Amino acid sequence: MDRMIYIGMVGAKQAMEQQASVANNMANVSTNGFRAQINQYLAAPVLGNELPTRTMVMASTPAADLRSGPLVPTGRAMDVAVRGDGWLTVKMPDGSEAFTRVGNLQVGADGQLQTMDARPLVGDAGTLVVPPGSALTITNDGLVSALAAGDSATGGAEVGRLKLVNPPAADLVRGEDGLFRMRPGAAAAPVDPNVRLRTGVLEGSNVNPVEAMVAMISNARRFEMQMKTLQTAESNDQQANKLLSSS
């Protein structure tokens, strides 16, 4: 009887945790550059002094879906999207680097080129500082130029080149802030000259809303099935108690 209760309990618990992950994907279906979490169940042995006859169900999000999302035209010169594989590099408050696909850029109050959530972009020689009042142009290889009032389209001053990287997917780890970083022990990601950008567009989320909705329904039904297992175990326990009390 305890095995039945244990199976139902851990199954219901992991169904709830996986439902939370799917719900997070669904909530970010309209978030630019978002990468869906991949969810799966794992069987793990129960460690203890008992015989190794039981396994535990574990929900896991081992990786992210790194497929590109749809490109949405915006017509804004400072909106960029990575074509195919690759990442923009941003600088974190602790000085480390993180990677993002969100390319709606702006110039901060201190003149630094940054994302809309105020994370400075990293260039090939450090952060990129834009002269006040300049209009920016960004080429498909990440070169940022600043045009002052009256400058021709080809007479701008080079600000720097965006650091575009493409590390192996196995070396990337998603953080709680949605940004990706190199896994512990991995070497720093080098600049990849093959990464290209498109300007005037933003990359949307790669979450498929239909698949996410189906997964939510499936997890809800899986949770109900595990709860019925617990209810059956309770009913069997009650019947057993009646038999023992009447004997």
Foldseek 3Di string as FASTA:
>chain_A
DVQLLQQLVLLLVQLVVVLVLLVVLLVQQFPFQFWRFDKDKDWAFDDDDDDRPDTGIHIDRPATHPFFFDKAFAQDQQFKFWDGAKFWWFADPVGDIWTTRWGNWDQDPQQWIDHPVPTFTAFPVGTFGAPPQWDWHAFFQFWIFTHHPPDDPPRTHTRGGTQMFGDDRVQWDADPVRIIDGHPPDDHTHRDSVITMDGRITTGYRRDNVVSVVSSVVSVVSSVVSVVSNVVVVVVVVVVVVVVVVD
